[in-house]
Amino acid sequence: MKTIEEINNLNVKKIQSEKKLPKFFPGDIIKVGVRITEGKRDRIQYFEGVCIAKKSRDINSSFTVRKISFGEGVERTFALYSPIIDSIKVIRSGEVRRAKLYYLRDRTGKSARIAEKIRKNIGIEIDLKSENENDGNLNETETETGIKKEETKKVEAQIEVKKESSEELKKESSEEKK
């Protein structure tokens, strides 16, 4: 016999294979497409705001989104795997240090802002290819990195020239003052 947890895990996997849900965290500004049925018609209404809480509990996972509508704060809690959710799109990633941002309820204006998370890619990205592939493609990537290195050397040389000229100007101005 299957336990309730096994059944829930199977349902979660089934839903995840059908829907592509992005990874989002509290502090992110997200846009949730909600299916609304009016009579015989179905339409999608978007609810955009800051994710202030996220609860990860398998099939019972949920998240809370807060927005300011006509000067009034509106919060809505969604079940993550609910059929009424059509889409979730991350508009902007926020950098926060807490899992629950309930303190935003008391704040308005500039004090309610959240800093944007900046994702940096440091270094040169080189696609690794198998040895069986065409060697011409590898030579192209090598020449591109060589060109980038030459450009950085030129820029460094220009910076050194500017530093030397600024030092000479400082020496001349100090001599004129004497």
N, C-alpha and C. Protein backbone atom coordinates (compact mmCIF):
# COMPACT_ATOMS: atom_id res chain seq x y z
N MET A 1 0.83 -1.18 0.00
CA MET A 1 0.00 0.00 0.00
C MET A 1 0.87 1.25 0.00
N LYS A 2 0.46 2.25 -0.75
CA LYS A 2 1.22 3.49 -0.82
C LYS A 2 0.80 4.41 0.31
N THR A 3 1.79 5.09 0.84
CA THR A 3 1.48 6.07 1.88
C THR A 3 1.05 7.38 1.22
N ILE A 4 0.52 8.27 2.03
CA ILE A 4 0.06 9.56 1.52
C ILE A 4 1.24 10.35 0.95
N GLU A 5 2.40 10.27 1.59
CA GLU A 5 3.58 10.98 1.10
C GLU A 5 3.99 10.51 -0.28
N GLU A 6 3.96 9.21 -0.53
CA GLU A 6 4.32 8.68 -1.85
C GLU A 6 3.35 9.16 -2.90
N ILE A 7 2.07 9.17 -2.58
CA ILE A 7 1.05 9.65 -3.53
C ILE A 7 1.27 11.14 -3.82
N ASN A 8 1.54 11.92 -2.78
CA ASN A 8 1.80 13.35 -2.97
C ASN A 8 3.03 13.58 -3.83
N ASN A 9 4.09 12.82 -3.59
CA ASN A 9 5.31 12.97 -4.39
C ASN A 9 5.05 12.64 -5.86
N LEU A 10 4.27 11.60 -6.12
CA LEU A 10 3.93 11.26 -7.51
C LEU A 10 3.13 12.38 -8.17
N ASN A 11 2.19 12.96 -7.43
CA ASN A 11 1.39 14.07 -7.97
C ASN A 11 2.25 15.29 -8.25
N VAL A 12 3.20 15.58 -7.36
CA VAL A 12 4.09 16.72 -7.57
C VAL A 12 4.93 16.52 -8.81
N LYS A 13 5.48 15.32 -9.00
CA LYS A 13 6.30 15.03 -10.18
C LYS A 13 5.47 15.15 -11.45
N LYS A 14 4.23 14.69 -11.41
CA LYS A 14 3.34 14.78 -12.57
C LYS A 14 3.06 16.24 -12.93
N ILE A 15 2.78 17.05 -11.94
CA ILE A 15 2.50 18.47 -12.18
C ILE A 15 3.74 19.19 -12.69
N GLN A 16 4.91 18.89 -12.11
CA GLN A 16 6.14 19.53 -12.54
C GLN A 16 6.50 19.17 -13.97
N SER A 17 6.15 17.97 -14.41
CA SER A 17 6.45 17.59 -15.80
C SER A 17 5.52 18.34 -16.76
N GLU A 18 4.31 18.65 -16.34
CA GLU A 18 3.37 19.38 -17.20
C GLU A 18 3.66 20.87 -17.21
N LYS A 19 3.89 21.45 -16.04
CA LYS A 19 4.12 22.90 -15.91
C LYS A 19 5.57 23.17 -15.63
N LYS A 20 6.09 24.22 -16.23
CA LYS A 20 7.44 24.66 -15.94
C LYS A 20 7.36 25.81 -14.95
N LEU A 21 7.66 25.53 -13.70
CA LEU A 21 7.63 26.56 -12.66
C LEU A 21 9.05 27.06 -12.43
N PRO A 22 9.27 28.37 -12.49
CA PRO A 22 10.62 28.89 -12.29
C PRO A 22 11.00 28.86 -10.82
N LYS A 23 12.30 28.93 -10.56
CA LYS A 23 12.76 29.04 -9.18
C LYS A 23 12.64 30.50 -8.77
N PHE A 24 11.93 30.73 -7.69
CA PHE A 24 11.82 32.07 -7.16
C PHE A 24 11.92 31.99 -5.65
N PHE A 25 12.25 33.12 -5.04
CA PHE A 25 12.49 33.17 -3.61
C PHE A 25 11.79 34.39 -3.03
N PRO A 26 11.64 34.45 -1.71
CA PRO A 26 11.08 35.66 -1.12
C PRO A 26 11.94 36.87 -1.46
N GLY A 27 11.30 37.97 -1.76
CA GLY A 27 12.00 39.18 -2.18
C GLY A 27 11.95 39.39 -3.68
N ASP A 28 11.62 38.35 -4.44
CA ASP A 28 11.52 38.48 -5.89
C ASP A 28 10.19 39.12 -6.26
N ILE A 29 10.22 39.92 -7.32
CA ILE A 29 8.97 40.45 -7.87
C ILE A 29 8.52 39.45 -8.92
N ILE A 30 7.33 38.90 -8.72
CA ILE A 30 6.83 37.87 -9.62
C ILE A 30 5.47 38.27 -10.17
N LYS A 31 5.16 37.69 -11.32
CA LYS A 31 3.89 37.93 -12.00
C LYS A 31 3.20 36.57 -12.12
N VAL A 32 2.07 36.44 -11.44
CA VAL A 32 1.35 35.17 -11.39
C VAL A 32 0.12 35.28 -12.29
N GLY A 33 0.02 34.38 -13.26
CA GLY A 33 -1.17 34.32 -14.12
C GLY A 33 -2.19 33.41 -13.49
N VAL A 34 -3.35 33.97 -13.12
CA VAL A 34 -4.39 33.22 -12.42
C VAL A 34 -5.55 33.01 -13.37
N ARG A 35 -6.01 31.75 -13.47
CA ARG A 35 -7.17 31.44 -14.30
C ARG A 35 -8.44 31.83 -13.55
N ILE A 36 -9.27 32.61 -14.21
CA ILE A 36 -10.54 33.04 -13.62
C ILE A 36 -11.66 32.59 -14.53
N THR A 37 -12.66 31.94 -13.96
CA THR A 37 -13.81 31.47 -14.73
C THR A 37 -14.99 32.39 -14.44
N GLU A 38 -15.50 33.00 -15.50
CA GLU A 38 -16.68 33.86 -15.39
C GLU A 38 -17.76 33.26 -16.28
N GLY A 39 -18.69 32.59 -15.69
CA GLY A 39 -19.72 31.91 -16.48
C GLY A 39 -19.09 30.76 -17.25
N LYS A 40 -19.15 30.87 -18.59
CA LYS A 40 -18.55 29.84 -19.43
C LYS A 40 -17.16 30.22 -19.91
N ARG A 41 -16.77 31.44 -19.65
CA ARG A 41 -15.48 31.93 -20.15
C ARG A 41 -14.37 31.72 -19.14
N ASP A 42 -13.20 31.43 -19.66
CA ASP A 42 -11.99 31.39 -18.84
C ASP A 42 -11.07 32.50 -19.32
N ARG A 43 -10.49 33.19 -18.39
CA ARG A 43 -9.51 34.22 -18.75
C ARG A 43 -8.38 34.18 -17.74
N ILE A 44 -7.27 34.83 -18.10
CA ILE A 44 -6.10 34.86 -17.22
C ILE A 44 -5.92 36.28 -16.71
N GLN A 45 -5.88 36.42 -15.39
CA GLN A 45 -5.64 37.71 -14.77
C GLN A 45 -4.30 37.65 -14.07
N TYR A 46 -3.47 38.67 -14.27
CA TYR A 46 -2.13 38.66 -13.71
C TYR A 46 -2.11 39.42 -12.39
N PHE A 47 -1.41 38.84 -11.44
CA PHE A 47 -1.23 39.44 -10.11
C PHE A 47 0.27 39.61 -9.93
N GLU A 48 0.75 40.86 -9.95
CA GLU A 48 2.18 41.13 -9.89
C GLU A 48 2.52 41.81 -8.58
N GLY A 49 3.52 41.28 -7.88
CA GLY A 49 3.93 41.87 -6.62
C GLY A 49 5.16 41.18 -6.07
N VAL A 50 5.47 41.51 -4.83
CA VAL A 50 6.65 40.96 -4.16
C VAL A 50 6.26 39.68 -3.45
N CYS A 51 7.05 38.65 -3.65
CA CYS A 51 6.84 37.40 -2.92
C CYS A 51 7.37 37.62 -1.50
N ILE A 52 6.46 37.59 -0.51
CA ILE A 52 6.89 37.86 0.86
C ILE A 52 7.07 36.59 1.67
N ALA A 53 6.56 35.46 1.18
CA ALA A 53 6.72 34.21 1.91
C ALA A 53 6.58 33.04 0.95
N LYS A 54 7.32 31.99 1.24
CA LYS A 54 7.22 30.77 0.45
C LYS A 54 7.29 29.58 1.40
N LYS A 55 6.38 28.66 1.22
CA LYS A 55 6.31 27.48 2.09
C LYS A 55 6.49 26.26 1.20
N SER A 56 7.51 25.46 1.45
CA SER A 56 7.78 24.26 0.66
C SER A 56 7.35 23.03 1.44
N ARG A 57 6.20 22.47 1.06
CA ARG A 57 5.66 21.29 1.73
C ARG A 57 5.10 20.30 0.71
N ASP A 58 5.92 19.89 -0.25
CA ASP A 58 5.50 18.96 -1.30
C ASP A 58 4.25 19.48 -2.02
N ILE A 59 3.17 18.72 -1.97
CA ILE A 59 1.95 19.11 -2.69
C ILE A 59 1.26 20.30 -2.02
N ASN A 60 1.56 20.53 -0.75
CA ASN A 60 0.95 21.64 -0.01
C ASN A 60 1.77 22.92 -0.06
N SER A 61 2.72 23.03 -0.97
CA SER A 61 3.56 24.21 -1.08
C SER A 61 2.71 25.42 -1.47
N SER A 62 3.07 26.56 -0.89
CA SER A 62 2.34 27.78 -1.21
C SER A 62 3.29 28.97 -1.13
N PHE A 63 2.83 30.10 -1.66
CA PHE A 63 3.60 31.33 -1.59
C PHE A 63 2.64 32.50 -1.49
N THR A 64 3.11 33.58 -0.89
CA THR A 64 2.29 34.77 -0.69
C THR A 64 2.89 35.92 -1.48
N VAL A 65 2.04 36.62 -2.22
CA VAL A 65 2.47 37.75 -3.03
C VAL A 65 1.76 38.99 -2.51
N ARG A 66 2.50 40.09 -2.37
CA ARG A 66 1.94 41.35 -1.87
C ARG A 66 2.15 42.43 -2.91
N LYS A 67 1.10 43.21 -3.13
CA LYS A 67 1.21 44.36 -4.02
C LYS A 67 0.41 45.51 -3.43
N ILE A 68 0.70 46.71 -3.90
CA ILE A 68 -0.04 47.89 -3.48
C ILE A 68 -0.99 48.24 -4.61
N SER A 69 -2.28 48.24 -4.32
CA SER A 69 -3.28 48.53 -5.33
C SER A 69 -4.11 49.73 -4.87
N PHE A 70 -4.01 50.84 -5.60
CA PHE A 70 -4.72 52.07 -5.28
C PHE A 70 -4.45 52.52 -3.84
N GLY A 71 -3.18 52.43 -3.42
CA GLY A 71 -2.78 52.88 -2.10
C GLY A 71 -3.07 51.90 -0.98
N GLU A 72 -3.63 50.78 -1.28
CA GLU A 72 -3.98 49.78 -0.28
C GLU A 72 -3.17 48.52 -0.52
N GLY A 73 -2.60 47.95 0.52
CA GLY A 73 -1.81 46.72 0.38
C GLY A 73 -2.72 45.52 0.21
N VAL A 74 -2.41 44.69 -0.80
CA VAL A 74 -3.20 43.49 -1.07
C VAL A 74 -2.26 42.30 -1.07
N GLU A 75 -2.59 41.29 -0.27
CA GLU A 75 -1.80 40.06 -0.24
C GLU A 75 -2.67 38.91 -0.71
N ARG A 76 -2.03 38.02 -1.44
CA ARG A 76 -2.75 36.85 -1.92
C ARG A 76 -1.85 35.64 -1.77
N THR A 77 -2.40 34.58 -1.21
CA THR A 77 -1.66 33.34 -1.03
C THR A 77 -2.11 32.34 -2.08
N PHE A 78 -1.15 31.76 -2.78
CA PHE A 78 -1.44 30.80 -3.84
C PHE A 78 -0.88 29.44 -3.46
N ALA A 79 -1.59 28.39 -3.78
CA ALA A 79 -1.03 27.05 -3.70
C ALA A 79 -0.16 26.86 -4.94
N LEU A 80 1.07 26.44 -4.75
CA LEU A 80 2.04 26.38 -5.84
C LEU A 80 1.60 25.43 -6.96
N TYR A 81 1.01 24.30 -6.60
CA TYR A 81 0.63 23.31 -7.60
C TYR A 81 -0.88 23.35 -7.90
N SER A 82 -1.50 24.48 -7.66
CA SER A 82 -2.93 24.62 -7.89
C SER A 82 -3.23 24.70 -9.39
N PRO A 83 -4.36 24.16 -9.83
CA PRO A 83 -4.72 24.27 -11.25
C PRO A 83 -5.12 25.68 -11.67
N ILE A 84 -5.42 26.56 -10.71
CA ILE A 84 -5.80 27.93 -11.10
C ILE A 84 -4.59 28.76 -11.50
N ILE A 85 -3.38 28.32 -11.14
CA ILE A 85 -2.19 29.05 -11.54
C ILE A 85 -1.80 28.63 -12.95
N ASP A 86 -1.82 29.61 -13.84
CA ASP A 86 -1.47 29.34 -15.24
C ASP A 86 0.03 29.48 -15.46
N SER A 87 0.60 30.55 -14.94
CA SER A 87 2.02 30.79 -15.15
C SER A 87 2.59 31.61 -14.00
N ILE A 88 3.88 31.47 -13.81
CA ILE A 88 4.62 32.29 -12.85
C ILE A 88 5.85 32.81 -13.58
N LYS A 89 6.05 34.11 -13.53
CA LYS A 89 7.20 34.71 -14.20
C LYS A 89 7.95 35.59 -13.21
N VAL A 90 9.26 35.41 -13.13
CA VAL A 90 10.08 36.24 -12.24
C VAL A 90 10.45 37.50 -13.00
N ILE A 91 9.99 38.64 -12.50
CA ILE A 91 10.28 39.92 -13.14
C ILE A 91 11.65 40.44 -12.70
N ARG A 92 11.90 40.37 -11.39
CA ARG A 92 13.13 40.91 -10.83
C ARG A 92 13.49 40.11 -9.59
N SER A 93 14.75 39.81 -9.41
CA SER A 93 15.20 39.08 -8.22
C SER A 93 15.62 40.07 -7.16
N GLY A 94 15.15 39.86 -5.95
CA GLY A 94 15.48 40.75 -4.86
C GLY A 94 16.46 40.10 -3.90
N GLU A 95 17.31 40.91 -3.29
CA GLU A 95 18.30 40.41 -2.35
C GLU A 95 17.82 40.72 -0.94
N VAL A 96 17.44 39.68 -0.21
CA VAL A 96 16.97 39.83 1.16
C VAL A 96 17.68 38.82 2.05
N ARG A 97 17.60 39.04 3.36
CA ARG A 97 18.27 38.16 4.30
C ARG A 97 17.29 37.36 5.14
N ARG A 98 16.03 37.44 4.82
CA ARG A 98 15.02 36.74 5.60
C ARG A 98 14.18 35.85 4.71
N ALA A 99 13.57 34.85 5.30
CA ALA A 99 12.71 33.95 4.56
C ALA A 99 11.29 34.47 4.49
N LYS A 100 10.86 35.18 5.51
CA LYS A 100 9.52 35.76 5.55
C LYS A 100 9.66 37.27 5.66
N LEU A 101 9.04 37.98 4.75
CA LEU A 101 9.18 39.44 4.69
C LEU A 101 7.92 40.14 5.20
N TYR A 102 7.43 39.68 6.33
CA TYR A 102 6.21 40.26 6.87
C TYR A 102 6.41 41.70 7.33
N TYR A 103 7.64 42.12 7.54
CA TYR A 103 7.89 43.48 7.97
C TYR A 103 7.51 44.49 6.88
N LEU A 104 7.36 44.04 5.63
CA LEU A 104 6.97 44.95 4.55
C LEU A 104 5.52 45.42 4.70
N ARG A 105 4.74 44.73 5.51
CA ARG A 105 3.35 45.12 5.71
C ARG A 105 3.25 46.50 6.37
N ASP A 106 4.20 46.80 7.22
CA ASP A 106 4.17 48.08 7.94
C ASP A 106 4.83 49.21 7.16
N ARG A 107 5.52 48.90 6.10
CA ARG A 107 6.30 49.91 5.38
C ARG A 107 5.64 50.30 4.06
N THR A 108 5.85 51.54 3.68
CA THR A 108 5.38 52.03 2.39
C THR A 108 6.46 52.92 1.79
N GLY A 109 6.37 53.15 0.52
CA GLY A 109 7.29 54.07 -0.14
C GLY A 109 8.70 53.54 -0.25
N LYS A 110 9.67 54.44 -0.02
CA LYS A 110 11.07 54.07 -0.20
C LYS A 110 11.55 53.04 0.81
N SER A 111 10.98 53.04 1.99
CA SER A 111 11.44 52.09 3.01
C SER A 111 11.01 50.66 2.68
N ALA A 112 10.07 50.50 1.76
CA ALA A 112 9.60 49.17 1.39
C ALA A 112 10.34 48.61 0.18
N ARG A 113 11.35 49.35 -0.30
CA ARG A 113 12.09 48.87 -1.47
C ARG A 113 13.01 47.71 -1.11
N ILE A 114 13.25 46.87 -2.08
CA ILE A 114 14.16 45.73 -1.92
C ILE A 114 15.25 45.85 -2.97
N ALA A 115 16.50 45.71 -2.53
CA ALA A 115 17.63 45.81 -3.46
C ALA A 115 17.60 44.65 -4.45
N GLU A 116 18.03 44.95 -5.67
CA GLU A 116 18.03 43.92 -6.71
C GLU A 116 19.27 43.04 -6.58
N LYS A 117 19.06 41.74 -6.76
CA LYS A 117 20.16 40.78 -6.71
C LYS A 117 20.85 40.82 -8.06
N ILE A 118 22.15 41.06 -8.02
CA ILE A 118 22.93 41.13 -9.26
C ILE A 118 23.69 39.83 -9.40
N ARG A 119 23.46 39.18 -10.50
CA ARG A 119 24.17 37.92 -10.77
C ARG A 119 25.36 38.22 -11.65
N LYS A 120 26.55 37.90 -11.14
CA LYS A 120 27.77 38.19 -11.88
C LYS A 120 28.37 36.89 -12.40
N ASN A 121 28.80 36.92 -13.63
CA ASN A 121 29.55 35.81 -14.20
C ASN A 121 31.00 36.27 -14.32
N ILE A 122 31.85 35.74 -13.47
CA ILE A 122 33.24 36.14 -13.46
C ILE A 122 34.04 35.15 -14.29
N GLY A 123 34.91 35.68 -15.14
CA GLY A 123 35.75 34.82 -15.96
C GLY A 123 35.23 34.72 -17.38
N ILE A 124 35.96 33.99 -18.16
CA ILE A 124 35.60 33.81 -19.57
C ILE A 124 34.87 32.49 -19.71
N GLU A 125 33.73 32.57 -20.33
CA GLU A 125 32.96 31.35 -20.54
C GLU A 125 33.40 30.70 -21.84
N ILE A 126 33.87 29.49 -21.74
CA ILE A 126 34.31 28.74 -22.91
C ILE A 126 33.51 27.45 -22.96
N ASP A 127 32.90 27.21 -24.10
CA ASP A 127 32.15 25.97 -24.27
C ASP A 127 33.12 24.83 -24.50
N LEU A 128 33.05 23.83 -23.66
CA LEU A 128 33.90 22.67 -23.81
C LEU A 128 33.25 21.71 -24.81
N LYS A 129 34.03 21.31 -25.78
CA LYS A 129 33.51 20.41 -26.81
C LYS A 129 34.34 19.14 -26.80
N SER A 130 33.74 18.09 -27.28
CA SER A 130 34.45 16.82 -27.30
C SER A 130 35.56 16.86 -28.35
N GLU A 131 36.53 15.97 -28.18
CA GLU A 131 37.67 15.94 -29.10
C GLU A 131 37.27 15.44 -30.47
N ASN A 132 36.16 14.76 -30.57
CA ASN A 132 35.72 14.23 -31.85
C ASN A 132 35.19 15.32 -32.77
N GLU A 133 34.81 16.45 -32.21
CA GLU A 133 34.24 17.51 -33.04
C GLU A 133 35.32 18.20 -33.85
N ASN A 134 34.87 19.07 -34.70
CA ASN A 134 35.75 19.77 -35.63
C ASN A 134 36.76 20.63 -34.87
N ASP A 135 38.06 20.49 -35.21
CA ASP A 135 39.09 21.28 -34.55
C ASP A 135 39.02 22.74 -34.95
N GLY A 136 38.43 23.05 -36.09
CA GLY A 136 38.29 24.44 -36.53
C GLY A 136 37.50 25.27 -35.54
N ASN A 137 36.48 24.68 -34.97
CA ASN A 137 35.68 25.40 -33.98
C ASN A 137 36.50 25.72 -32.73
N LEU A 138 37.36 24.81 -32.32
CA LEU A 138 38.19 25.05 -31.16
C LEU A 138 39.18 26.18 -31.44
N ASN A 139 39.74 26.21 -32.65
CA ASN A 139 40.68 27.27 -33.00
C ASN A 139 39.99 28.63 -32.99
N GLU A 140 38.72 28.68 -33.38
CA GLU A 140 37.98 29.94 -33.36
C GLU A 140 37.85 30.45 -31.94
N THR A 141 37.52 29.57 -30.99
CA THR A 141 37.38 30.02 -29.59
C THR A 141 38.73 30.46 -29.03
N GLU A 142 39.80 29.77 -29.43
CA GLU A 142 41.13 30.16 -28.97
C GLU A 142 41.49 31.54 -29.50
N THR A 143 41.18 31.82 -30.77
CA THR A 143 41.49 33.14 -31.33
C THR A 143 40.65 34.22 -30.67
N GLU A 144 39.39 33.90 -30.33
CA GLU A 144 38.54 34.88 -29.66
C GLU A 144 39.11 35.24 -28.30
N THR A 145 39.56 34.25 -27.53
CA THR A 145 40.14 34.54 -26.22
C THR A 145 41.46 35.30 -26.39
N GLY A 146 42.22 34.98 -27.45
CA GLY A 146 43.46 35.70 -27.73
C GLY A 146 43.18 37.16 -28.04
N ILE A 147 42.13 37.43 -28.81
CA ILE A 147 41.75 38.80 -29.14
C ILE A 147 41.34 39.55 -27.87
N LYS A 148 40.58 38.88 -27.00
CA LYS A 148 40.15 39.52 -25.75
C LYS A 148 41.35 39.86 -24.88
N LYS A 149 42.35 38.97 -24.85
CA LYS A 149 43.55 39.23 -24.06
C LYS A 149 44.30 40.42 -24.61
N GLU A 150 44.41 40.52 -25.95
CA GLU A 150 45.10 41.65 -26.58
C GLU A 150 44.38 42.95 -26.26
N GLU A 151 43.05 42.94 -26.30
CA GLU A 151 42.27 44.14 -26.01
C GLU A 151 42.49 44.58 -24.56
N THR A 152 42.52 43.63 -23.65
CA THR A 152 42.73 44.00 -22.25
C THR A 152 44.13 44.56 -22.04
N LYS A 153 45.12 44.03 -22.76
CA LYS A 153 46.49 44.56 -22.66
C LYS A 153 46.54 45.99 -23.18
N LYS A 154 45.84 46.28 -24.28
CA LYS A 154 45.81 47.64 -24.83
C LYS A 154 45.18 48.61 -23.83
N VAL A 155 44.08 48.19 -23.22
CA VAL A 155 43.39 49.05 -22.25
C VAL A 155 44.28 49.31 -21.04
N GLU A 156 44.98 48.26 -20.56
CA GLU A 156 45.88 48.44 -19.42
C GLU A 156 47.02 49.39 -19.77
N ALA A 157 47.52 49.31 -21.00
CA ALA A 157 48.60 50.20 -21.43
C ALA A 157 48.10 51.65 -21.46
N GLN A 158 46.89 51.86 -21.92
CA GLN A 158 46.31 53.21 -21.96
C GLN A 158 46.14 53.76 -20.55
N ILE A 159 45.75 52.93 -19.62
CA ILE A 159 45.57 53.37 -18.24
C ILE A 159 46.91 53.78 -17.64
N GLU A 160 47.97 52.99 -17.93
CA GLU A 160 49.30 53.31 -17.41
C GLU A 160 49.78 54.64 -17.98
N VAL A 161 49.54 54.89 -19.27
CA VAL A 161 49.96 56.15 -19.90
C VAL A 161 49.25 57.32 -19.23
N LYS A 162 47.96 57.16 -18.96
CA LYS A 162 47.20 58.24 -18.31
C LYS A 162 47.72 58.49 -16.90
N LYS A 163 48.05 57.43 -16.16
CA LYS A 163 48.58 57.59 -14.81
C LYS A 163 49.90 58.35 -14.84
N GLU A 164 50.79 57.98 -15.80
CA GLU A 164 52.09 58.64 -15.91
C GLU A 164 51.92 60.11 -16.25
N SER A 165 51.00 60.43 -17.17
CA SER A 165 50.81 61.83 -17.56
C SER A 165 50.21 62.63 -16.41
N SER A 166 49.33 62.03 -15.62
CA SER A 166 48.75 62.76 -14.48
C SER A 166 49.81 62.99 -13.41
N GLU A 167 50.73 62.03 -13.22
CA GLU A 167 51.81 62.21 -12.25
C GLU A 167 52.74 63.34 -12.69
N GLU A 168 53.04 63.43 -14.00
CA GLU A 168 53.90 64.49 -14.52
C GLU A 168 53.25 65.85 -14.32
N LEU A 169 51.94 65.93 -14.55
CA LEU A 169 51.24 67.20 -14.35
C LEU A 169 51.28 67.63 -12.89
N LYS A 170 51.15 66.68 -11.98
CA LYS A 170 51.21 67.01 -10.55
C LYS A 170 52.59 67.54 -10.18
N LYS A 171 53.66 66.92 -10.73
CA LYS A 171 55.01 67.37 -10.44
C LYS A 171 55.23 68.78 -10.97
N GLU A 172 54.74 69.06 -12.19
CA GLU A 172 54.91 70.39 -12.79
C GLU A 172 54.17 71.45 -11.98
N SER A 173 52.95 71.11 -11.54
CA SER A 173 52.18 72.10 -10.77
C SER A 173 52.83 72.36 -9.42
N SER A 174 53.41 71.33 -8.80
CA SER A 174 54.10 71.52 -7.51
C SER A 174 55.35 72.36 -7.69
N GLU A 175 56.07 72.22 -8.83
CA GLU A 175 57.26 73.02 -9.10
C GLU A 175 56.90 74.46 -9.35
N GLU A 176 55.79 74.72 -10.03
CA GLU A 176 55.34 76.09 -10.30
C GLU A 176 54.96 76.79 -9.00
N LYS A 177 54.38 76.07 -8.04
CA LYS A 177 53.98 76.67 -6.77
C LYS A 177 55.21 77.10 -5.98
N LYS A 178 56.34 76.41 -6.13
CA LYS A 178 57.56 76.74 -5.39
C LYS A 178 58.15 77.98 -5.99
